[in-house]
Full PDB file with SEQRES, HELIX, SHEET, SSBOND, CRYST1, ORIGX, SCALE, CONECT and MASTER records, all heavy atoms in Angstrom:
SEQRES   1 A   40  GLY VAL ARG ALA ARG ILE ASP GLY THR GLU VAL LEU VAL          
SEQRES   2 A   40  GLY ASN ASP ARG LEU LEU HIS ARG PHE LYS VAL GLU HIS          
SEQRES   3 A   40  ASP THR CYS ARG VAL LYS GLY THR VAL ALA HIS VAL VAL          
SEQRES   4 A   40  ILE                                                          
HELIX    1 AA1 ASP A   16  ARG A   21  1                                   6    
SHEET    1 AA1 3 VAL A   2  ILE A   6  0                                        
SHEET    2 AA1 3 THR A   9  GLY A  14 -1                                        
SHEET    3 AA1 3 HIS A  37  VAL A  39 -1                                        
CRYST1    1.000    1.000    1.000  90.00  90.00  90.00 P 1           1          
ORIGX1      1.000000  0.000000  0.000000        0.00000                         
ORIGX2      0.000000  1.000000  0.000000        0.00000                         
ORIGX3      0.000000  0.000000  1.000000        0.00000                         
SCALE1      1.000000  0.000000  0.000000        0.00000                         
SCALE2      0.000000  1.000000  0.000000        0.00000                         
SCALE3      0.000000  0.000000  1.000000        0.00000                         
ATOM      1  N   GLY A   1       6.272   3.425   4.019  1.00  0.00           N  
ATOM      2  CA  GLY A   1       4.993   3.299   4.710  1.00  0.00           C  
ATOM      3  C   GLY A   1       5.155   2.306   5.875  1.00  0.00           C  
ATOM      4  O   GLY A   1       6.247   2.112   6.437  1.00  0.00           O  
ATOM      5  N   VAL A   2       4.117   1.485   6.193  1.00  0.00           N  
ATOM      6  CA  VAL A   2       4.163   0.478   7.270  1.00  0.00           C  
ATOM      7  C   VAL A   2       3.603  -0.857   6.800  1.00  0.00           C  
ATOM      8  O   VAL A   2       2.769  -0.948   5.989  1.00  0.00           O  
ATOM      9  CB  VAL A   2       3.416   0.926   8.453  1.00  0.00           C  
ATOM     10  CG1 VAL A   2       3.955   2.243   9.040  1.00  0.00           C  
ATOM     11  CG2 VAL A   2       1.863   1.178   8.252  1.00  0.00           C  
ATOM     12  N   ARG A   3       4.046  -1.991   7.530  1.00  0.00           N  
ATOM     13  CA  ARG A   3       3.487  -3.312   7.328  1.00  0.00           C  
ATOM     14  C   ARG A   3       3.104  -3.779   8.691  1.00  0.00           C  
ATOM     15  O   ARG A   3       3.898  -3.699   9.600  1.00  0.00           O  
ATOM     16  CB  ARG A   3       4.516  -4.173   6.603  1.00  0.00           C  
ATOM     17  CG  ARG A   3       3.980  -5.595   6.428  1.00  0.00           C  
ATOM     18  CD  ARG A   3       4.888  -6.427   5.508  1.00  0.00           C  
ATOM     19  NE  ARG A   3       6.217  -6.768   6.128  1.00  0.00           N  
ATOM     20  CZ  ARG A   3       7.076  -7.606   5.606  1.00  0.00           C  
ATOM     21  NH1 ARG A   3       6.740  -8.250   4.544  1.00  0.00           N  
ATOM     22  NH2 ARG A   3       8.238  -7.814   6.159  1.00  0.00           N  
ATOM     23  N   ALA A   4       1.907  -4.341   8.762  1.00  0.00           N  
ATOM     24  CA  ALA A   4       1.428  -4.885  10.044  1.00  0.00           C  
ATOM     25  C   ALA A   4       0.600  -6.163   9.870  1.00  0.00           C  
ATOM     26  O   ALA A   4       0.036  -6.409   8.833  1.00  0.00           O  
ATOM     27  CB  ALA A   4       0.602  -3.860  10.805  1.00  0.00           C  
ATOM     28  N   ARG A   5       0.622  -6.998  10.887  1.00  0.00           N  
ATOM     29  CA  ARG A   5      -0.242  -8.194  10.900  1.00  0.00           C  
ATOM     30  C   ARG A   5      -1.320  -7.989  11.988  1.00  0.00           C  
ATOM     31  O   ARG A   5      -0.886  -7.802  13.135  1.00  0.00           O  
ATOM     32  CB  ARG A   5       0.571  -9.448  11.181  1.00  0.00           C  
ATOM     33  CG  ARG A   5      -0.290 -10.731  11.001  1.00  0.00           C  
ATOM     34  CD  ARG A   5       0.611 -12.006  11.001  1.00  0.00           C  
ATOM     35  NE  ARG A   5       1.511 -12.102   9.917  1.00  0.00           N  
ATOM     36  CZ  ARG A   5       1.179 -12.450   8.692  1.00  0.00           C  
ATOM     37  NH1 ARG A   5      -0.150 -12.924   8.466  1.00  0.00           N  
ATOM     38  NH2 ARG A   5       2.027 -12.499   7.724  1.00  0.00           N  
ATOM     39  N   ILE A   6      -2.623  -7.994  11.584  1.00  0.00           N  
ATOM     40  CA  ILE A   6      -3.616  -7.709  12.474  1.00  0.00           C  
ATOM     41  C   ILE A   6      -4.562  -8.986  12.533  1.00  0.00           C  
ATOM     42  O   ILE A   6      -5.354  -9.210  11.534  1.00  0.00           O  
ATOM     43  CB  ILE A   6      -4.484  -6.501  12.055  1.00  0.00           C  
ATOM     44  CG1 ILE A   6      -3.479  -5.249  12.067  1.00  0.00           C  
ATOM     45  CG2 ILE A   6      -5.694  -6.264  13.011  1.00  0.00           C  
ATOM     46  CD1 ILE A   6      -3.880  -4.182  11.092  1.00  0.00           C  
ATOM     47  N   ASP A   7      -4.437  -9.704  13.603  1.00  0.00           N  
ATOM     48  CA  ASP A   7      -5.199 -10.931  13.838  1.00  0.00           C  
ATOM     49  C   ASP A   7      -5.237 -11.811  12.502  1.00  0.00           C  
ATOM     50  O   ASP A   7      -6.274 -12.183  12.001  1.00  0.00           O  
ATOM     51  CB  ASP A   7      -6.656 -10.610  14.193  1.00  0.00           C  
ATOM     52  CG  ASP A   7      -6.866 -10.417  15.642  1.00  0.00           C  
ATOM     53  OD1 ASP A   7      -5.878 -10.723  16.449  1.00  0.00           O  
ATOM     54  OD2 ASP A   7      -7.987  -9.950  16.016  1.00  0.00           O  
ATOM     55  N   GLY A   8      -3.990 -12.147  12.072  1.00  0.00           N  
ATOM     56  CA  GLY A   8      -3.816 -12.985  10.933  1.00  0.00           C  
ATOM     57  C   GLY A   8      -4.078 -12.310   9.586  1.00  0.00           C  
ATOM     58  O   GLY A   8      -3.828 -12.991   8.501  1.00  0.00           O  
ATOM     59  N   THR A   9      -4.400 -10.954   9.553  1.00  0.00           N  
ATOM     60  CA  THR A   9      -4.468 -10.326   8.258  1.00  0.00           C  
ATOM     61  C   THR A   9      -3.351  -9.405   8.064  1.00  0.00           C  
ATOM     62  O   THR A   9      -3.025  -8.523   8.932  1.00  0.00           O  
ATOM     63  CB  THR A   9      -5.836  -9.421   8.307  1.00  0.00           C  
ATOM     64  OG1 THR A   9      -6.950 -10.259   8.626  1.00  0.00           O  
ATOM     65  CG2 THR A   9      -6.033  -8.716   7.000  1.00  0.00           C  
ATOM     66  N   GLU A  10      -2.632  -9.537   6.966  1.00  0.00           N  
ATOM     67  CA  GLU A  10      -1.488  -8.690   6.651  1.00  0.00           C  
ATOM     68  C   GLU A  10      -1.986  -7.401   5.918  1.00  0.00           C  
ATOM     69  O   GLU A  10      -2.760  -7.478   4.985  1.00  0.00           O  
ATOM     70  CB  GLU A  10      -0.492  -9.463   5.769  1.00  0.00           C  
ATOM     71  CG  GLU A  10       0.879  -8.621   5.614  1.00  0.00           C  
ATOM     72  CD  GLU A  10       1.827  -9.364   4.654  1.00  0.00           C  
ATOM     73  OE1 GLU A  10       1.509  -9.525   3.448  1.00  0.00           O  
ATOM     74  OE2 GLU A  10       2.937  -9.628   5.148  1.00  0.00           O  
ATOM     75  N   VAL A  11      -1.466  -6.288   6.455  1.00  0.00           N  
ATOM     76  CA  VAL A  11      -1.902  -5.008   5.921  1.00  0.00           C  
ATOM     77  C   VAL A  11      -0.679  -4.131   5.605  1.00  0.00           C  
ATOM     78  O   VAL A  11       0.246  -4.045   6.347  1.00  0.00           O  
ATOM     79  CB  VAL A  11      -2.727  -4.179   6.959  1.00  0.00           C  
ATOM     80  CG1 VAL A  11      -3.189  -2.908   6.457  1.00  0.00           C  
ATOM     81  CG2 VAL A  11      -3.945  -5.064   7.413  1.00  0.00           C  
ATOM     82  N   LEU A  12      -0.728  -3.607   4.387  1.00  0.00           N  
ATOM     83  CA  LEU A  12       0.377  -2.577   3.973  1.00  0.00           C  
ATOM     84  C   LEU A  12      -0.390  -1.276   3.861  1.00  0.00           C  
ATOM     85  O   LEU A  12      -1.473  -1.202   3.171  1.00  0.00           O  
ATOM     86  CB  LEU A  12       0.951  -2.988   2.676  1.00  0.00           C  
ATOM     87  CG  LEU A  12       1.729  -4.338   2.622  1.00  0.00           C  
ATOM     88  CD1 LEU A  12       2.065  -4.617   1.167  1.00  0.00           C  
ATOM     89  CD2 LEU A  12       2.943  -4.277   3.384  1.00  0.00           C  
ATOM     90  N   VAL A  13       0.229  -0.187   4.363  1.00  0.00           N  
ATOM     91  CA  VAL A  13      -0.216   1.233   4.157  1.00  0.00           C  
ATOM     92  C   VAL A  13       1.005   2.087   3.842  1.00  0.00           C  
ATOM     93  O   VAL A  13       1.889   2.145   4.595  1.00  0.00           O  
ATOM     94  CB  VAL A  13      -0.961   1.788   5.454  1.00  0.00           C  
ATOM     95  CG1 VAL A  13      -1.490   3.144   5.157  1.00  0.00           C  
ATOM     96  CG2 VAL A  13      -2.065   0.820   5.938  1.00  0.00           C  
ATOM     97  N   GLY A  14       0.789   2.707   2.709  1.00  0.00           N  
ATOM     98  CA  GLY A  14       2.002   3.643   2.262  1.00  0.00           C  
ATOM     99  C   GLY A  14       1.804   4.267   0.949  1.00  0.00           C  
ATOM    100  O   GLY A  14       0.673   4.383   0.471  1.00  0.00           O  
ATOM    101  N   ASN A  15       3.012   4.647   0.351  1.00  0.00           N  
ATOM    102  CA  ASN A  15       2.951   5.343  -0.972  1.00  0.00           C  
ATOM    103  C   ASN A  15       3.037   4.458  -2.136  1.00  0.00           C  
ATOM    104  O   ASN A  15       3.092   3.162  -1.900  1.00  0.00           O  
ATOM    105  CB  ASN A  15       4.005   6.418  -1.097  1.00  0.00           C  
ATOM    106  CG  ASN A  15       5.344   5.928  -0.695  1.00  0.00           C  
ATOM    107  OD1 ASN A  15       5.674   4.677  -0.983  1.00  0.00           O  
ATOM    108  ND2 ASN A  15       6.258   6.726  -0.106  1.00  0.00           N  
ATOM    109  N   ASP A  16       3.107   4.973  -3.313  1.00  0.00           N  
ATOM    110  CA  ASP A  16       3.142   4.148  -4.480  1.00  0.00           C  
ATOM    111  C   ASP A  16       4.425   3.215  -4.542  1.00  0.00           C  
ATOM    112  O   ASP A  16       4.402   2.135  -5.097  1.00  0.00           O  
ATOM    113  CB  ASP A  16       3.055   5.048  -5.724  1.00  0.00           C  
ATOM    114  CG  ASP A  16       2.968   4.156  -7.025  1.00  0.00           C  
ATOM    115  OD1 ASP A  16       1.977   3.435  -7.130  1.00  0.00           O  
ATOM    116  OD2 ASP A  16       3.857   4.359  -7.895  1.00  0.00           O  
ATOM    117  N   ARG A  17       5.527   3.696  -3.960  1.00  0.00           N  
ATOM    118  CA  ARG A  17       6.810   3.015  -3.959  1.00  0.00           C  
ATOM    119  C   ARG A  17       6.663   1.736  -3.085  1.00  0.00           C  
ATOM    120  O   ARG A  17       7.244   0.643  -3.378  1.00  0.00           O  
ATOM    121  CB  ARG A  17       7.859   3.815  -3.388  1.00  0.00           C  
ATOM    122  CG  ARG A  17       8.357   4.997  -4.253  1.00  0.00           C  
ATOM    123  CD  ARG A  17       9.712   5.541  -3.846  1.00  0.00           C  
ATOM    124  NE  ARG A  17       9.697   5.988  -2.438  1.00  0.00           N  
ATOM    125  CZ  ARG A  17       9.375   7.339  -2.162  1.00  0.00           C  
ATOM    126  NH1 ARG A  17       9.117   8.135  -3.178  1.00  0.00           N  
ATOM    127  NH2 ARG A  17       9.339   7.811  -0.920  1.00  0.00           N  
ATOM    128  N   LEU A  18       5.750   1.766  -2.069  1.00  0.00           N  
ATOM    129  CA  LEU A  18       5.492   0.584  -1.248  1.00  0.00           C  
ATOM    130  C   LEU A  18       4.849  -0.545  -2.013  1.00  0.00           C  
ATOM    131  O   LEU A  18       5.212  -1.649  -1.952  1.00  0.00           O  
ATOM    132  CB  LEU A  18       4.570   0.921  -0.128  1.00  0.00           C  
ATOM    133  CG  LEU A  18       4.303  -0.134   0.879  1.00  0.00           C  
ATOM    134  CD1 LEU A  18       5.479  -0.460   1.824  1.00  0.00           C  
ATOM    135  CD2 LEU A  18       3.118   0.136   1.781  1.00  0.00           C  
ATOM    136  N   LEU A  19       3.824  -0.164  -2.942  1.00  0.00           N  
ATOM    137  CA  LEU A  19       3.152  -1.096  -3.886  1.00  0.00           C  
ATOM    138  C   LEU A  19       4.126  -1.782  -4.818  1.00  0.00           C  
ATOM    139  O   LEU A  19       4.036  -2.972  -5.017  1.00  0.00           O  
ATOM    140  CB  LEU A  19       2.012  -0.372  -4.520  1.00  0.00           C  
ATOM    141  CG  LEU A  19       0.939   0.344  -3.743  1.00  0.00           C  
ATOM    142  CD1 LEU A  19      -0.055   1.040  -4.641  1.00  0.00           C  
ATOM    143  CD2 LEU A  19       0.205  -0.552  -2.760  1.00  0.00           C  
ATOM    144  N   HIS A  20       5.029  -1.016  -5.377  1.00  0.00           N  
ATOM    145  CA  HIS A  20       5.998  -1.610  -6.340  1.00  0.00           C  
ATOM    146  C   HIS A  20       7.013  -2.411  -5.596  1.00  0.00           C  
ATOM    147  O   HIS A  20       7.429  -3.436  -6.228  1.00  0.00           O  
ATOM    148  CB  HIS A  20       6.780  -0.423  -7.099  1.00  0.00           C  
ATOM    149  CG  HIS A  20       5.701   0.222  -8.164  1.00  0.00           C  
ATOM    150  ND1 HIS A  20       5.455  -0.321  -9.308  1.00  0.00           N  
ATOM    151  CD2 HIS A  20       5.016   1.441  -8.017  1.00  0.00           C  
ATOM    152  CE1 HIS A  20       4.626   0.442  -9.964  1.00  0.00           C  
ATOM    153  NE2 HIS A  20       4.392   1.537  -9.167  1.00  0.00           N  
ATOM    154  N   ARG A  21       7.402  -2.058  -4.423  1.00  0.00           N  
ATOM    155  CA  ARG A  21       8.314  -2.864  -3.645  1.00  0.00           C  
ATOM    156  C   ARG A  21       7.756  -4.291  -3.393  1.00  0.00           C  
ATOM    157  O   ARG A  21       8.585  -5.262  -3.470  1.00  0.00           O  
ATOM    158  CB  ARG A  21       8.668  -2.096  -2.261  1.00  0.00           C  
ATOM    159  CG  ARG A  21       9.598  -2.941  -1.439  1.00  0.00           C  
ATOM    160  CD  ARG A  21      10.109  -2.096  -0.187  1.00  0.00           C  
ATOM    161  NE  ARG A  21      10.835  -2.913   0.676  1.00  0.00           N  
ATOM    162  CZ  ARG A  21      11.677  -2.355   1.624  1.00  0.00           C  
ATOM    163  NH1 ARG A  21      11.788  -1.012   1.588  1.00  0.00           N  
ATOM    164  NH2 ARG A  21      12.323  -3.085   2.423  1.00  0.00           N  
ATOM    165  N   PHE A  22       6.490  -4.384  -3.080  1.00  0.00           N  
ATOM    166  CA  PHE A  22       5.931  -5.690  -2.686  1.00  0.00           C  
ATOM    167  C   PHE A  22       5.181  -6.291  -3.909  1.00  0.00           C  
ATOM    168  O   PHE A  22       4.448  -7.222  -3.780  1.00  0.00           O  
ATOM    169  CB  PHE A  22       5.011  -5.582  -1.485  1.00  0.00           C  
ATOM    170  CG  PHE A  22       5.732  -5.372  -0.181  1.00  0.00           C  
ATOM    171  CD1 PHE A  22       5.981  -4.092   0.287  1.00  0.00           C  
ATOM    172  CD2 PHE A  22       6.285  -6.525   0.447  1.00  0.00           C  
ATOM    173  CE1 PHE A  22       6.693  -3.861   1.502  1.00  0.00           C  
ATOM    174  CE2 PHE A  22       6.943  -6.307   1.639  1.00  0.00           C  
ATOM    175  CZ  PHE A  22       7.149  -5.067   2.180  1.00  0.00           C  
ATOM    176  N   LYS A  23       5.345  -5.599  -5.051  1.00  0.00           N  
ATOM    177  CA  LYS A  23       4.804  -6.096  -6.357  1.00  0.00           C  
ATOM    178  C   LYS A  23       3.221  -6.330  -6.267  1.00  0.00           C  
ATOM    179  O   LYS A  23       2.790  -7.469  -6.593  1.00  0.00           O  
ATOM    180  CB  LYS A  23       5.533  -7.387  -6.781  1.00  0.00           C  
ATOM    181  CG  LYS A  23       7.004  -7.179  -7.131  1.00  0.00           C  
ATOM    182  CD  LYS A  23       7.700  -8.409  -7.584  1.00  0.00           C  
ATOM    183  CE  LYS A  23       9.083  -8.230  -8.066  1.00  0.00           C  
ATOM    184  NZ  LYS A  23       9.995  -7.647  -7.087  1.00  0.00           N  
ATOM    185  N   VAL A  24       2.579  -5.350  -5.777  1.00  0.00           N  
ATOM    186  CA  VAL A  24       1.172  -5.403  -5.618  1.00  0.00           C  
ATOM    187  C   VAL A  24       0.486  -4.861  -6.860  1.00  0.00           C  
ATOM    188  O   VAL A  24       0.788  -3.754  -7.291  1.00  0.00           O  
ATOM    189  CB  VAL A  24       0.616  -4.589  -4.364  1.00  0.00           C  
ATOM    190  CG1 VAL A  24      -0.840  -4.694  -4.290  1.00  0.00           C  
ATOM    191  CG2 VAL A  24       1.278  -5.177  -3.121  1.00  0.00           C  
ATOM    192  N   GLU A  25      -0.411  -5.721  -7.476  1.00  0.00           N  
ATOM    193  CA  GLU A  25      -1.003  -5.100  -8.681  1.00  0.00           C  
ATOM    194  C   GLU A  25      -1.989  -3.990  -8.283  1.00  0.00           C  
ATOM    195  O   GLU A  25      -2.875  -4.168  -7.308  1.00  0.00           O  
ATOM    196  CB  GLU A  25      -1.830  -6.195  -9.339  1.00  0.00           C  
ATOM    197  CG  GLU A  25      -1.005  -7.204 -10.120  1.00  0.00           C  
ATOM    198  CD  GLU A  25      -1.851  -8.230 -10.899  1.00  0.00           C  
ATOM    199  OE1 GLU A  25      -2.994  -7.859 -11.257  1.00  0.00           O  
ATOM    200  OE2 GLU A  25      -1.299  -9.397 -11.117  1.00  0.00           O  
ATOM    201  N   HIS A  26      -1.976  -2.860  -8.984  1.00  0.00           N  
ATOM    202  CA  HIS A  26      -2.831  -1.774  -8.663  1.00  0.00           C  
ATOM    203  C   HIS A  26      -3.110  -0.977 -10.007  1.00  0.00           C  
ATOM    204  O   HIS A  26      -2.283  -0.898 -10.858  1.00  0.00           O  
ATOM    205  CB  HIS A  26      -2.341  -0.903  -7.650  1.00  0.00           C  
ATOM    206  CG  HIS A  26      -0.918  -0.297  -7.910  1.00  0.00           C  
ATOM    207  ND1 HIS A  26       0.246  -1.069  -7.838  1.00  0.00           N  
ATOM    208  CD2 HIS A  26      -0.555   0.943  -8.246  1.00  0.00           C  
ATOM    209  CE1 HIS A  26       1.211  -0.375  -8.223  1.00  0.00           C  
ATOM    210  NE2 HIS A  26       0.776   0.891  -8.433  1.00  0.00           N  
ATOM    211  N   ASP A  27      -4.283  -0.226  -9.971  1.00  0.00           N  
ATOM    212  CA  ASP A  27      -4.629   0.451 -11.210  1.00  0.00           C  
ATOM    213  C   ASP A  27      -4.396   2.027 -11.069  1.00  0.00           C  
ATOM    214  O   ASP A  27      -4.698   2.761 -11.970  1.00  0.00           O  
ATOM    215  CB  ASP A  27      -6.019   0.221 -11.569  1.00  0.00           C  
ATOM    216  CG  ASP A  27      -6.956   0.536 -10.399  1.00  0.00           C  
ATOM    217  OD1 ASP A  27      -6.543   1.074  -9.477  1.00  0.00           O  
ATOM    218  OD2 ASP A  27      -8.278   0.414 -10.634  1.00  0.00           O  
ATOM    219  N   THR A  28      -3.917   2.476  -9.881  1.00  0.00           N  
ATOM    220  CA  THR A  28      -3.762   3.857  -9.653  1.00  0.00           C  
ATOM    221  C   THR A  28      -2.388   4.120  -9.199  1.00  0.00           C  
ATOM    222  O   THR A  28      -1.974   3.635  -8.067  1.00  0.00           O  
ATOM    223  CB  THR A  28      -4.720   4.424  -8.693  1.00  0.00           C  
ATOM    224  OG1 THR A  28      -6.042   3.916  -9.113  1.00  0.00           O  
ATOM    225  CG2 THR A  28      -4.866   5.907  -8.540  1.00  0.00           C  
ATOM    226  N   CYS A  29      -1.665   5.087  -9.866  1.00  0.00           N  
ATOM    227  CA  CYS A  29      -0.244   5.414  -9.335  1.00  0.00           C  
ATOM    228  C   CYS A  29      -0.317   6.863  -8.888  1.00  0.00           C  
ATOM    229  O   CYS A  29       0.006   7.162  -7.775  1.00  0.00           O  
ATOM    230  CB  CYS A  29       0.772   5.140 -10.413  1.00  0.00           C  
ATOM    231  SG  CYS A  29       1.207   3.388 -10.637  1.00  0.00           S  
ATOM    232  N   ARG A  30      -0.605   7.800  -9.767  1.00  0.00           N  
ATOM    233  CA  ARG A  30      -0.593   9.196  -9.547  1.00  0.00           C  
ATOM    234  C   ARG A  30      -1.941   9.679  -9.053  1.00  0.00           C  
ATOM    235  O   ARG A  30      -2.919   9.498  -9.776  1.00  0.00           O  
ATOM    236  CB  ARG A  30      -0.030  10.008 -10.777  1.00  0.00           C  
ATOM    237  CG  ARG A  30       1.520   9.771 -11.063  1.00  0.00           C  
ATOM    238  CD  ARG A  30       1.859  10.777 -12.084  1.00  0.00           C  
ATOM    239  NE  ARG A  30       1.810  12.140 -11.799  1.00  0.00           N  
ATOM    240  CZ  ARG A  30       2.809  12.706 -10.927  1.00  0.00           C  
ATOM    241  NH1 ARG A  30       3.754  12.052 -10.536  1.00  0.00           N  
ATOM    242  NH2 ARG A  30       2.670  13.929 -10.616  1.00  0.00           N  
ATOM    243  N   VAL A  31      -1.942  10.243  -7.889  1.00  0.00           N  
ATOM    244  CA  VAL A  31      -3.166  10.768  -7.351  1.00  0.00           C  
ATOM    245  C   VAL A  31      -2.922  12.307  -6.801  1.00  0.00           C  
ATOM    246  O   VAL A  31      -1.890  12.495  -6.191  1.00  0.00           O  
ATOM    247  CB  VAL A  31      -3.673   9.916  -6.133  1.00  0.00           C  
ATOM    248  CG1 VAL A  31      -5.000  10.553  -5.557  1.00  0.00           C  
ATOM    249  CG2 VAL A  31      -3.871   8.578  -6.488  1.00  0.00           C  
ATOM    250  N   LYS A  32      -3.853  13.134  -7.242  1.00  0.00           N  
ATOM    251  CA  LYS A  32      -3.666  14.569  -6.754  1.00  0.00           C  
ATOM    252  C   LYS A  32      -3.829  14.660  -5.244  1.00  0.00           C  
ATOM    253  O   LYS A  32      -4.820  14.148  -4.739  1.00  0.00           O  
ATOM    254  CB  LYS A  32      -4.671  15.496  -7.473  1.00  0.00           C  
ATOM    255  CG  LYS A  32      -4.184  15.989  -8.909  1.00  0.00           C  
ATOM    256  CD  LYS A  32      -5.050  17.015  -9.298  1.00  0.00           C  
ATOM    257  CE  LYS A  32      -4.568  17.574 -10.719  1.00  0.00           C  
ATOM    258  NZ  LYS A  32      -5.387  18.595 -11.265  1.00  0.00           N  
ATOM    259  N   GLY A  33      -2.773  15.118  -4.651  1.00  0.00           N  
ATOM    260  CA  GLY A  33      -2.959  15.285  -3.098  1.00  0.00           C  
ATOM    261  C   GLY A  33      -2.022  14.286  -2.427  1.00  0.00           C  
ATOM    262  O   GLY A  33      -1.306  13.439  -3.077  1.00  0.00           O  
ATOM    263  N   THR A  34      -2.220  14.270  -1.086  1.00  0.00           N  
ATOM    264  CA  THR A  34      -1.434  13.322  -0.258  1.00  0.00           C  
ATOM    265  C   THR A  34      -2.321  12.089  -0.226  1.00  0.00           C  
ATOM    266  O   THR A  34      -3.408  12.073   0.221  1.00  0.00           O  
ATOM    267  CB  THR A  34      -1.189  13.929   1.116  1.00  0.00           C  
ATOM    268  OG1 THR A  34      -0.488  15.178   0.939  1.00  0.00           O  
ATOM    269  CG2 THR A  34      -0.285  13.044   2.005  1.00  0.00           C  
ATOM    270  N   VAL A  35      -1.622  10.894  -0.515  1.00  0.00           N  
ATOM    271  CA  VAL A  35      -2.340   9.662  -0.649  1.00  0.00           C  
ATOM    272  C   VAL A  35      -1.719   8.578   0.192  1.00  0.00           C  
ATOM    273  O   VAL A  35      -0.511   8.498   0.334  1.00  0.00           O  
ATOM    274  CB  VAL A  35      -2.500   9.293  -2.149  1.00  0.00           C  
ATOM    275  CG1 VAL A  35      -1.157   8.856  -2.680  1.00  0.00           C  
ATOM    276  CG2 VAL A  35      -3.485   8.107  -2.238  1.00  0.00           C  
ATOM    277  N   ALA A  36      -2.512   7.639   0.776  1.00  0.00           N  
ATOM    278  CA  ALA A  36      -2.027   6.465   1.518  1.00  0.00           C  
ATOM    279  C   ALA A  36      -2.687   5.278   0.865  1.00  0.00           C  
ATOM    280  O   ALA A  36      -3.984   5.093   0.875  1.00  0.00           O  
ATOM    281  CB  ALA A  36      -2.363   6.507   2.922  1.00  0.00           C  
ATOM    282  N   HIS A  37      -2.026   4.364   0.100  1.00  0.00           N  
ATOM    283  CA  HIS A  37      -2.535   3.161  -0.504  1.00  0.00           C  
ATOM    284  C   HIS A  37      -2.712   2.096   0.512  1.00  0.00           C  
ATOM    285  O   HIS A  37      -1.778   2.073   1.460  1.00  0.00           O  
ATOM    286  CB  HIS A  37      -1.603   2.696  -1.642  1.00  0.00           C  
ATOM    287  CG  HIS A  37      -1.529   3.614  -2.732  1.00  0.00           C  
ATOM    288  ND1 HIS A  37      -2.414   3.707  -3.789  1.00  0.00           N  
ATOM    289  CD2 HIS A  37      -0.638   4.603  -3.138  1.00  0.00           C  
ATOM    290  CE1 HIS A  37      -2.102   4.621  -4.701  1.00  0.00           C  
ATOM    291  NE2 HIS A  37      -0.928   5.245  -4.273  1.00  0.00           N  
ATOM    292  N   VAL A  38      -3.665   1.255   0.423  1.00  0.00           N  
ATOM    293  CA  VAL A  38      -3.923   0.166   1.416  1.00  0.00           C  
ATOM    294  C   VAL A  38      -3.945  -1.165   0.711  1.00  0.00           C  
ATOM    295  O   VAL A  38      -4.688  -1.291  -0.297  1.00  0.00           O  
ATOM    296  CB  VAL A  38      -5.335   0.468   2.184  1.00  0.00           C  
ATOM    297  CG1 VAL A  38      -5.502  -0.670   3.255  1.00  0.00           C  
ATOM    298  CG2 VAL A  38      -5.202   1.850   2.870  1.00  0.00           C  
ATOM    299  N   VAL A  39      -3.235  -2.134   1.256  1.00  0.00           N  
ATOM    300  CA  VAL A  39      -3.119  -3.522   0.657  1.00  0.00           C  
ATOM    301  C   VAL A  39      -3.589  -4.400   1.838  1.00  0.00           C  
ATOM    302  O   VAL A  39      -3.004  -4.435   2.948  1.00  0.00           O  
ATOM    303  CB  VAL A  39      -1.820  -3.775   0.177  1.00  0.00           C  
ATOM    304  CG1 VAL A  39      -1.733  -5.265  -0.338  1.00  0.00           C  
ATOM    305  CG2 VAL A  39      -1.326  -2.885  -0.980  1.00  0.00           C  
ATOM    306  N   ILE A  40      -4.515  -5.286   1.564  1.00  0.00           N  
ATOM    307  CA  ILE A  40      -5.039  -6.287   2.585  1.00  0.00           C  
ATOM    308  C   ILE A  40      -4.818  -7.671   2.096  1.00  0.00           C  
ATOM    309  O   ILE A  40      -5.405  -8.024   0.975  1.00  0.00           O  
ATOM    310  CB  ILE A  40      -6.558  -6.044   2.960  1.00  0.00           C  
ATOM    311  CG1 ILE A  40      -6.739  -4.560   3.566  1.00  0.00           C  
ATOM    312  CG2 ILE A  40      -7.058  -7.106   3.948  1.00  0.00           C  
ATOM    313  CD1 ILE A  40      -8.158  -4.174   3.692  1.00  0.00           C  
TER     314      ILE A  40                                                      
MASTER        0    0    0    1    3    0    0    6  313    1    0    4          
END                                                                             
């Protein structure tokens, strides 16, 4: 996915692999359809 800094706010947008790579706690892994997870 992508990582960006927007006016001092760090944002991650991508797939489940992105969440595991940055060790982000989340309650949803498998979602039916095409999905983009968001971390702020």
